[in-house]
Amino acid sequence: MEQEQAEILALKALSYLVGLDEEMDRFSALTGIGAADIMERASDPELLAGVVDFFLAHEDLLTEFCAVHDYQPETPLRARQALPGGDLPHWT
């Protein structure tokens, strides 16, 4: 997957996350970034990588997101590999 496609998936994930108050609050608490700042940095590939990481760490959320957007379960992982830090050994 190309980085541009991965960023599009991550933006969809962020958009999905914004609609879930509790999950958005949890993401904000885990990252230490306020909701307004998250939205301001929505085009930052590193933030988008963090969004995908968050989904990958929460299977129920990931499953729901994939179902809503008709993604195969492995698609977000492939997207994460195309984003900053995705080439680190723990993603292989």
PDB file of N, CA and C in Angstrom:
ATOM      1  N   MET A   1       0.853  -1.176   0.000  1.00  0.00           N
ATOM      2  CA  MET A   1       0.000   0.000   0.000  1.00  0.00           C
ATOM      3  C   MET A   1       0.897   1.237   0.000  1.00  0.00           C
ATOM      4  N   GLU A   2       0.504   2.231  -0.779  1.00  0.00           N
ATOM      5  CA  GLU A   2       1.240   3.487  -0.845  1.00  0.00           C
ATOM      6  C   GLU A   2       0.863   4.363   0.353  1.00  0.00           C
ATOM      7  N   GLN A   3       1.761   5.295   0.702  1.00  0.00           N
ATOM      8  CA  GLN A   3       1.521   6.152   1.861  1.00  0.00           C
ATOM      9  C   GLN A   3       0.241   6.973   1.695  1.00  0.00           C
ATOM     10  N   GLU A   4      -0.028   7.463   0.490  1.00  0.00           N
ATOM     11  CA  GLU A   4      -1.238   8.265   0.275  1.00  0.00           C
ATOM     12  C   GLU A   4      -2.501   7.458   0.582  1.00  0.00           C
ATOM     13  N   GLN A   5      -2.539   6.205   0.135  1.00  0.00           N
ATOM     14  CA  GLN A   5      -3.682   5.340   0.426  1.00  0.00           C
ATOM     15  C   GLN A   5      -3.787   5.079   1.923  1.00  0.00           C
ATOM     16  N   ALA A   6      -2.641   4.899   2.571  1.00  0.00           N
ATOM     17  CA  ALA A   6      -2.622   4.664   4.014  1.00  0.00           C
ATOM     18  C   ALA A   6      -3.131   5.884   4.769  1.00  0.00           C
ATOM     19  N   GLU A   7      -2.756   7.072   4.314  1.00  0.00           N
ATOM     20  CA  GLU A   7      -3.226   8.298   4.963  1.00  0.00           C
ATOM     21  C   GLU A   7      -4.734   8.453   4.799  1.00  0.00           C
ATOM     22  N   ILE A   8      -5.253   8.075   3.641  1.00  0.00           N
ATOM     23  CA  ILE A   8      -6.703   8.144   3.433  1.00  0.00           C
ATOM     24  C   ILE A   8      -7.425   7.202   4.402  1.00  0.00           C
ATOM     25  N   LEU A   9      -6.919   5.983   4.539  1.00  0.00           N
ATOM     26  CA  LEU A   9      -7.513   5.048   5.495  1.00  0.00           C
ATOM     27  C   LEU A   9      -7.437   5.623   6.905  1.00  0.00           C
ATOM     28  N   ALA A  10      -6.302   6.181   7.268  1.00  0.00           N
ATOM     29  CA  ALA A  10      -6.127   6.739   8.614  1.00  0.00           C
ATOM     30  C   ALA A  10      -7.059   7.927   8.844  1.00  0.00           C
ATOM     31  N   LEU A  11      -7.269   8.749   7.825  1.00  0.00           N
ATOM     32  CA  LEU A  11      -8.212   9.862   7.963  1.00  0.00           C
ATOM     33  C   LEU A  11      -9.639   9.345   8.144  1.00  0.00           C
ATOM     34  N   LYS A  12      -9.984   8.284   7.458  1.00  0.00           N
ATOM     35  CA  LYS A  12     -11.293   7.657   7.666  1.00  0.00           C
ATOM     36  C   LYS A  12     -11.400   7.134   9.092  1.00  0.00           C
ATOM     37  N   ALA A  13     -10.324   6.546   9.583  1.00  0.00           N
ATOM     38  CA  ALA A  13     -10.320   6.034  10.959  1.00  0.00           C
ATOM     39  C   ALA A  13     -10.475   7.180  11.954  1.00  0.00           C
ATOM     40  N   LEU A  14      -9.781   8.275  11.710  1.00  0.00           N
ATOM     41  CA  LEU A  14      -9.893   9.434  12.597  1.00  0.00           C
ATOM     42  C   LEU A  14     -11.318   9.981  12.569  1.00  0.00           C
ATOM     43  N   SER A  15     -11.883  10.066  11.397  1.00  0.00           N
ATOM     44  CA  SER A  15     -13.254  10.541  11.254  1.00  0.00           C
ATOM     45  C   SER A  15     -14.219   9.628  12.016  1.00  0.00           C
ATOM     46  N   TYR A  16     -13.999   8.337  11.915  1.00  0.00           N
ATOM     47  CA  TYR A  16     -14.814   7.360  12.633  1.00  0.00           C
ATOM     48  C   TYR A  16     -14.646   7.547  14.140  1.00  0.00           C
ATOM     49  N   LEU A  17     -13.418   7.750  14.559  1.00  0.00           N
ATOM     50  CA  LEU A  17     -13.100   7.918  15.976  1.00  0.00           C
ATOM     51  C   LEU A  17     -13.768   9.159  16.556  1.00  0.00           C
ATOM     52  N   VAL A  18     -13.801  10.235  15.787  1.00  0.00           N
ATOM     53  CA  VAL A  18     -14.412  11.482  16.248  1.00  0.00           C
ATOM     54  C   VAL A  18     -15.892  11.277  16.584  1.00  0.00           C
ATOM     55  N   GLY A  19     -16.535  10.360  15.896  1.00  0.00           N
ATOM     56  CA  GLY A  19     -17.942  10.081  16.151  1.00  0.00           C
ATOM     57  C   GLY A  19     -18.200   9.226  17.383  1.00  0.00           C
ATOM     58  N   LEU A  20     -17.150   8.770  18.028  1.00  0.00           N
ATOM     59  CA  LEU A  20     -17.279   7.918  19.216  1.00  0.00           C
ATOM     60  C   LEU A  20     -16.650   8.640  20.407  1.00  0.00           C
ATOM     61  N   ASP A  21     -17.480   9.335  21.166  1.00  0.00           N
ATOM     62  CA  ASP A  21     -16.978  10.200  22.240  1.00  0.00           C
ATOM     63  C   ASP A  21     -16.040   9.488  23.212  1.00  0.00           C
ATOM     64  N   GLU A  22     -16.447   8.329  23.713  1.00  0.00           N
ATOM     65  CA  GLU A  22     -15.612   7.621  24.694  1.00  0.00           C
ATOM     66  C   GLU A  22     -14.272   7.212  24.102  1.00  0.00           C
ATOM     67  N   GLU A  23     -14.298   6.693  22.884  1.00  0.00           N
ATOM     68  CA  GLU A  23     -13.050   6.263  22.242  1.00  0.00           C
ATOM     69  C   GLU A  23     -12.158   7.460  21.928  1.00  0.00           C
ATOM     70  N   MET A  24     -12.765   8.561  21.501  1.00  0.00           N
ATOM     71  CA  MET A  24     -11.986   9.766  21.208  1.00  0.00           C
ATOM     72  C   MET A  24     -11.343  10.283  22.488  1.00  0.00           C
ATOM     73  N   ASP A  25     -12.084  10.264  23.578  1.00  0.00           N
ATOM     74  CA  ASP A  25     -11.532  10.688  24.867  1.00  0.00           C
ATOM     75  C   ASP A  25     -10.373   9.780  25.281  1.00  0.00           C
ATOM     76  N   ARG A  26     -10.521   8.476  25.049  1.00  0.00           N
ATOM     77  CA  ARG A  26      -9.451   7.537  25.398  1.00  0.00           C
ATOM     78  C   ARG A  26      -8.216   7.786  24.540  1.00  0.00           C
ATOM     79  N   PHE A  27      -8.413   8.008  23.234  1.00  0.00           N
ATOM     80  CA  PHE A  27      -7.285   8.297  22.344  1.00  0.00           C
ATOM     81  C   PHE A  27      -6.588   9.582  22.785  1.00  0.00           C
ATOM     82  N   SER A  28      -7.371  10.594  23.096  1.00  0.00           N
ATOM     83  CA  SER A  28      -6.820  11.872  23.543  1.00  0.00           C
ATOM     84  C   SER A  28      -6.024  11.697  24.835  1.00  0.00           C
ATOM     85  N   ALA A  29      -6.563  10.926  25.763  1.00  0.00           N
ATOM     86  CA  ALA A  29      -5.876  10.687  27.037  1.00  0.00           C
ATOM     87  C   ALA A  29      -4.576   9.908  26.829  1.00  0.00           C
ATOM     88  N   LEU A  30      -4.613   8.909  25.952  1.00  0.00           N
ATOM     89  CA  LEU A  30      -3.414   8.099  25.705  1.00  0.00           C
ATOM     90  C   LEU A  30      -2.312   8.886  24.995  1.00  0.00           C
ATOM     91  N   THR A  31      -2.705   9.782  24.103  1.00  0.00           N
ATOM     92  CA  THR A  31      -1.715  10.541  23.344  1.00  0.00           C
ATOM     93  C   THR A  31      -1.297  11.826  24.047  1.00  0.00           C
ATOM     94  N   GLY A  32      -2.154  12.299  24.953  1.00  0.00           N
ATOM     95  CA  GLY A  32      -1.870  13.571  25.611  1.00  0.00           C
ATOM     96  C   GLY A  32      -2.162  14.763  24.710  1.00  0.00           C
ATOM     97  N   ILE A  33      -2.888  14.523  23.643  1.00  0.00           N
ATOM     98  CA  ILE A  33      -3.229  15.582  22.690  1.00  0.00           C
ATOM     99  C   ILE A  33      -4.723  15.851  22.797  1.00  0.00           C
ATOM    100  N   GLY A  34      -5.080  17.103  22.987  1.00  0.00           N
ATOM    101  CA  GLY A  34      -6.488  17.466  23.074  1.00  0.00           C
ATOM    102  C   GLY A  34      -7.205  17.263  21.754  1.00  0.00           C
ATOM    103  N   ALA A  35      -8.519  17.090  21.825  1.00  0.00           N
ATOM    104  CA  ALA A  35      -9.316  16.819  20.627  1.00  0.00           C
ATOM    105  C   ALA A  35      -9.149  17.909  19.572  1.00  0.00           C
ATOM    106  N   ALA A  36      -9.122  19.160  19.977  1.00  0.00           N
ATOM    107  CA  ALA A  36      -8.961  20.257  19.014  1.00  0.00           C
ATOM    108  C   ALA A  36      -7.606  20.167  18.320  1.00  0.00           C
ATOM    109  N   ASP A  37      -6.563  19.840  19.088  1.00  0.00           N
ATOM    110  CA  ASP A  37      -5.225  19.712  18.501  1.00  0.00           C
ATOM    111  C   ASP A  37      -5.147  18.509  17.561  1.00  0.00           C
ATOM    112  N   ILE A  38      -5.852  17.443  17.909  1.00  0.00           N
ATOM    113  CA  ILE A  38      -5.872  16.258  17.044  1.00  0.00           C
ATOM    114  C   ILE A  38      -6.453  16.640  15.690  1.00  0.00           C
ATOM    115  N   MET A  39      -7.552  17.366  15.697  1.00  0.00           N
ATOM    116  CA  MET A  39      -8.180  17.759  14.446  1.00  0.00           C
ATOM    117  C   MET A  39      -7.296  18.733  13.661  1.00  0.00           C
ATOM    118  N   GLU A  40      -6.594  19.599  14.361  1.00  0.00           N
ATOM    119  CA  GLU A  40      -5.673  20.535  13.710  1.00  0.00           C
ATOM    120  C   GLU A  40      -4.538  19.804  13.008  1.00  0.00           C
ATOM    121  N   ARG A  41      -4.106  18.698  13.589  1.00  0.00           N
ATOM    122  CA  ARG A  41      -2.968  17.934  13.055  1.00  0.00           C
ATOM    123  C   ARG A  41      -3.408  16.748  12.203  1.00  0.00           C
ATOM    124  N   ALA A  42      -4.632  16.762  11.731  1.00  0.00           N
ATOM    125  CA  ALA A  42      -5.184  15.619  11.006  1.00  0.00           C
ATOM    126  C   ALA A  42      -4.388  15.241   9.763  1.00  0.00           C
ATOM    127  N   SER A  43      -3.630  16.158   9.210  1.00  0.00           N
ATOM    128  CA  SER A  43      -2.847  15.826   8.010  1.00  0.00           C
ATOM    129  C   SER A  43      -1.428  15.363   8.343  1.00  0.00           C
ATOM    130  N   ASP A  44      -1.084  15.314   9.608  1.00  0.00           N
ATOM    131  CA  ASP A  44       0.254  14.902  10.048  1.00  0.00           C
ATOM    132  C   ASP A  44       0.382  13.378   9.960  1.00  0.00           C
ATOM    133  N   PRO A  45       1.261  12.871   9.092  1.00  0.00           N
ATOM    134  CA  PRO A  45       1.399  11.424   8.938  1.00  0.00           C
ATOM    135  C   PRO A  45       1.737  10.691  10.242  1.00  0.00           C
ATOM    136  N   GLU A  46       2.465  11.337  11.136  1.00  0.00           N
ATOM    137  CA  GLU A  46       2.799  10.684  12.403  1.00  0.00           C
ATOM    138  C   GLU A  46       1.563  10.551  13.288  1.00  0.00           C
ATOM    139  N   LEU A  47       0.723  11.560  13.309  1.00  0.00           N
ATOM    140  CA  LEU A  47      -0.526  11.459  14.065  1.00  0.00           C
ATOM    141  C   LEU A  47      -1.420  10.382  13.448  1.00  0.00           C
ATOM    142  N   LEU A  48      -1.482  10.354  12.129  1.00  0.00           N
ATOM    143  CA  LEU A  48      -2.293   9.345  11.456  1.00  0.00           C
ATOM    144  C   LEU A  48      -1.786   7.941  11.769  1.00  0.00           C
ATOM    145  N   ALA A  49      -0.479   7.785  11.864  1.00  0.00           N
ATOM    146  CA  ALA A  49       0.091   6.492  12.258  1.00  0.00           C
ATOM    147  C   ALA A  49      -0.394   6.125  13.661  1.00  0.00           C
ATOM    148  N   GLY A  50      -0.441   7.104  14.541  1.00  0.00           N
ATOM    149  CA  GLY A  50      -0.923   6.869  15.901  1.00  0.00           C
ATOM    150  C   GLY A  50      -2.384   6.472  15.932  1.00  0.00           C
ATOM    151  N   VAL A  51      -3.174   7.058  15.040  1.00  0.00           N
ATOM    152  CA  VAL A  51      -4.596   6.696  14.959  1.00  0.00           C
ATOM    153  C   VAL A  51      -4.735   5.228  14.554  1.00  0.00           C
ATOM    154  N   VAL A  52      -3.973   4.831  13.543  1.00  0.00           N
ATOM    155  CA  VAL A  52      -4.044   3.439  13.094  1.00  0.00           C
ATOM    156  C   VAL A  52      -3.537   2.507  14.198  1.00  0.00           C
ATOM    157  N   ASP A  53      -2.470   2.904  14.890  1.00  0.00           N
ATOM    158  CA  ASP A  53      -1.986   2.108  16.030  1.00  0.00           C
ATOM    159  C   ASP A  53      -3.089   1.899  17.057  1.00  0.00           C
ATOM    160  N   PHE A  54      -3.829   2.966  17.340  1.00  0.00           N
ATOM    161  CA  PHE A  54      -4.909   2.894  18.322  1.00  0.00           C
ATOM    162  C   PHE A  54      -5.953   1.857  17.890  1.00  0.00           C
ATOM    163  N   PHE A  55      -6.329   1.890  16.629  1.00  0.00           N
ATOM    164  CA  PHE A  55      -7.296   0.915  16.121  1.00  0.00           C
ATOM    165  C   PHE A  55      -6.734  -0.497  16.185  1.00  0.00           C
ATOM    166  N   LEU A  56      -5.474  -0.649  15.816  1.00  0.00           N
ATOM    167  CA  LEU A  56      -4.862  -1.977  15.836  1.00  0.00           C
ATOM    168  C   LEU A  56      -4.782  -2.547  17.254  1.00  0.00           C
ATOM    169  N   ALA A  57      -4.724  -1.678  18.236  1.00  0.00           N
ATOM    170  CA  ALA A  57      -4.631  -2.117  19.628  1.00  0.00           C
ATOM    171  C   ALA A  57      -6.002  -2.415  20.245  1.00  0.00           C
ATOM    172  N   HIS A  58      -7.072  -2.069  19.545  1.00  0.00           N
ATOM    173  CA  HIS A  58      -8.426  -2.265  20.068  1.00  0.00           C
ATOM    174  C   HIS A  58      -9.242  -3.047  19.039  1.00  0.00           C
ATOM    175  N   GLU A  59      -9.223  -4.349  19.187  1.00  0.00           N
ATOM    176  CA  GLU A  59      -9.799  -5.254  18.188  1.00  0.00           C
ATOM    177  C   GLU A  59     -11.275  -4.976  17.894  1.00  0.00           C
ATOM    178  N   ASP A  60     -12.075  -4.711  18.919  1.00  0.00           N
ATOM    179  CA  ASP A  60     -13.495  -4.444  18.686  1.00  0.00           C
ATOM    180  C   ASP A  60     -13.686  -3.203  17.814  1.00  0.00           C
ATOM    181  N   LEU A  61     -12.952  -2.171  18.135  1.00  0.00           N
ATOM    182  CA  LEU A  61     -13.018  -0.930  17.372  1.00  0.00           C
ATOM    183  C   LEU A  61     -12.545  -1.162  15.934  1.00  0.00           C
ATOM    184  N   LEU A  62     -11.458  -1.888  15.793  1.00  0.00           N
ATOM    185  CA  LEU A  62     -10.908  -2.207  14.475  1.00  0.00           C
ATOM    186  C   LEU A  62     -11.919  -3.003  13.643  1.00  0.00           C
ATOM    187  N   THR A  63     -12.527  -3.989  14.253  1.00  0.00           N
ATOM    188  CA  THR A  63     -13.504  -4.825  13.557  1.00  0.00           C
ATOM    189  C   THR A  63     -14.697  -3.997  13.087  1.00  0.00           C
ATOM    190  N   GLU A  64     -15.202  -3.129  13.956  1.00  0.00           N
ATOM    191  CA  GLU A  64     -16.332  -2.270  13.588  1.00  0.00           C
ATOM    192  C   GLU A  64     -15.950  -1.339  12.437  1.00  0.00           C
ATOM    193  N   PHE A  65     -14.784  -0.723  12.544  1.00  0.00           N
ATOM    194  CA  PHE A  65     -14.318   0.203  11.512  1.00  0.00           C
ATOM    195  C   PHE A  65     -14.197  -0.512  10.158  1.00  0.00           C
ATOM    196  N   CYS A  66     -13.599  -1.678  10.164  1.00  0.00           N
ATOM    197  CA  CYS A  66     -13.436  -2.439   8.924  1.00  0.00           C
ATOM    198  C   CYS A  66     -14.788  -2.810   8.317  1.00  0.00           C
ATOM    199  N   ALA A  67     -15.740  -3.183   9.149  1.00  0.00           N
ATOM    200  CA  ALA A  67     -17.062  -3.544   8.655  1.00  0.00           C
ATOM    201  C   ALA A  67     -17.768  -2.338   8.029  1.00  0.00           C
ATOM    202  N   VAL A  68     -17.687  -1.202   8.692  1.00  0.00           N
ATOM    203  CA  VAL A  68     -18.340   0.010   8.190  1.00  0.00           C
ATOM    204  C   VAL A  68     -17.753   0.446   6.852  1.00  0.00           C
ATOM    205  N   HIS A  69     -16.437   0.324   6.717  1.00  0.00           N
ATOM    206  CA  HIS A  69     -15.755   0.803   5.503  1.00  0.00           C
ATOM    207  C   HIS A  69     -15.437  -0.319   4.510  1.00  0.00           C
ATOM    208  N   ASP A  70     -15.929  -1.508   4.772  1.00  0.00           N
ATOM    209  CA  ASP A  70     -15.738  -2.654   3.887  1.00  0.00           C
ATOM    210  C   ASP A  70     -14.254  -2.936   3.612  1.00  0.00           C
ATOM    211  N   TYR A  71     -13.446  -2.878   4.664  1.00  0.00           N
ATOM    212  CA  TYR A  71     -12.027  -3.224   4.583  1.00  0.00           C
ATOM    213  C   TYR A  71     -11.827  -4.652   5.069  1.00  0.00           C
ATOM    214  N   GLN A  72     -10.888  -5.336   4.471  1.00  0.00           N
ATOM    215  CA  GLN A  72     -10.461  -6.628   4.994  1.00  0.00           C
ATOM    216  C   GLN A  72      -9.741  -6.354   6.321  1.00  0.00           C
ATOM    217  N   PRO A  73      -9.780  -7.278   7.277  1.00  0.00           N
ATOM    218  CA  PRO A  73      -9.168  -7.048   8.586  1.00  0.00           C
ATOM    219  C   PRO A  73      -7.667  -6.713   8.527  1.00  0.00           C
ATOM    220  N   GLU A  74      -6.962  -7.195   7.508  1.00  0.00           N
ATOM    221  CA  GLU A  74      -5.520  -6.928   7.436  1.00  0.00           C
ATOM    222  C   GLU A  74      -5.192  -5.583   6.770  1.00  0.00           C
ATOM    223  N   THR A  75      -6.182  -4.918   6.185  1.00  0.00           N
ATOM    224  CA  THR A  75      -5.926  -3.666   5.471  1.00  0.00           C
ATOM    225  C   THR A  75      -5.357  -2.577   6.383  1.00  0.00           C
ATOM    226  N   PRO A  76      -5.893  -2.349   7.577  1.00  0.00           N
ATOM    227  CA  PRO A  76      -5.291  -1.328   8.436  1.00  0.00           C
ATOM    228  C   PRO A  76      -3.828  -1.639   8.804  1.00  0.00           C
ATOM    229  N   LEU A  77      -3.496  -2.902   8.949  1.00  0.00           N
ATOM    230  CA  LEU A  77      -2.100  -3.259   9.236  1.00  0.00           C
ATOM    231  C   LEU A  77      -1.212  -2.893   8.048  1.00  0.00           C
ATOM    232  N   ARG A  78      -1.675  -3.173   6.852  1.00  0.00           N
ATOM    233  CA  ARG A  78      -0.904  -2.797   5.665  1.00  0.00           C
ATOM    234  C   ARG A  78      -0.770  -1.275   5.573  1.00  0.00           C
ATOM    235  N   ALA A  79      -1.827  -0.566   5.950  1.00  0.00           N
ATOM    236  CA  ALA A  79      -1.767   0.900   5.965  1.00  0.00           C
ATOM    237  C   ALA A  79      -0.735   1.368   6.975  1.00  0.00           C
ATOM    238  N   ARG A  80      -0.726   0.738   8.130  1.00  0.00           N
ATOM    239  CA  ARG A  80       0.231   1.147   9.182  1.00  0.00           C
ATOM    240  C   ARG A  80       1.659   0.956   8.709  1.00  0.00           C
ATOM    241  N   GLN A  81       1.909  -0.072   7.954  1.00  0.00           N
ATOM    242  CA  GLN A  81       3.254  -0.333   7.445  1.00  0.00           C
ATOM    243  C   GLN A  81       3.703   0.750   6.477  1.00  0.00           C
ATOM    244  N   ALA A  82       2.771   1.436   5.837  1.00  0.00           N
ATOM    245  CA  ALA A  82       3.094   2.486   4.875  1.00  0.00           C
ATOM    246  C   ALA A  82       3.236   3.861   5.518  1.00  0.00           C
ATOM    247  N   LEU A  83       2.906   3.966   6.795  1.00  0.00           N
ATOM    248  CA  LEU A  83       2.990   5.246   7.505  1.00  0.00           C
ATOM    249  C   LEU A  83       4.301   5.333   8.288  1.00  0.00           C
ATOM    250  N   PRO A  84       4.684   6.541   8.736  1.00  0.00           N
ATOM    251  CA  PRO A  84       5.941   6.692   9.482  1.00  0.00           C
ATOM    252  C   PRO A  84       6.051   5.701  10.640  1.00  0.00           C
ATOM    253  N   GLY A  85       7.197   5.044  10.717  1.00  0.00           N
ATOM    254  CA  GLY A  85       7.459   4.065  11.773  1.00  0.00           C
ATOM    255  C   GLY A  85       6.946   2.688  11.453  1.00  0.00           C
ATOM    256  N   GLY A  86       6.255   2.543  10.356  1.00  0.00           N
ATOM    257  CA  GLY A  86       5.667   1.253   9.985  1.00  0.00           C
ATOM    258  C   GLY A  86       6.675   0.230   9.521  1.00  0.00           C
ATOM    259  N   ASP A  87       7.880   0.685   9.244  1.00  0.00           N
ATOM    260  CA  ASP A  87       8.908  -0.243   8.795  1.00  0.00           C
ATOM    261  C   ASP A  87       9.756  -0.776   9.940  1.00  0.00           C
ATOM    262  N   LEU A  88       9.363  -0.442  11.161  1.00  0.00           N
ATOM    263  CA  LEU A  88      10.079  -0.927  12.332  1.00  0.00           C
ATOM    264  C   LEU A  88       9.866  -2.439  12.476  1.00  0.00           C
ATOM    265  N   PRO A  89      10.808  -3.144  13.044  1.00  0.00           N
ATOM    266  CA  PRO A  89      10.734  -4.618  13.133  1.00  0.00           C
ATOM    267  C   PRO A  89       9.453  -5.153  13.773  1.00  0.00           C
ATOM    268  N   HIS A  90       8.832  -4.422  14.712  1.00  0.00           N
ATOM    269  CA  HIS A  90       7.650  -4.966  15.369  1.00  0.00           C
ATOM    270  C   HIS A  90       6.436  -5.033  14.442  1.00  0.00           C
ATOM    271  N   TRP A  91       6.520  -4.501  13.253  1.00  0.00           N
ATOM    272  CA  TRP A  91       5.409  -4.554  12.310  1.00  0.00           C
ATOM    273  C   TRP A  91       5.603  -5.637  11.266  1.00  0.00           C
ATOM    274  N   THR A  92       6.659  -6.418  11.386  1.00  0.00           N
ATOM    275  CA  THR A  92       6.881  -7.465  10.374  1.00  0.00           C
ATOM    276  C   THR A  92       6.402  -8.798  10.859  1.00  0.00           C
TER     277      THR A  92
END
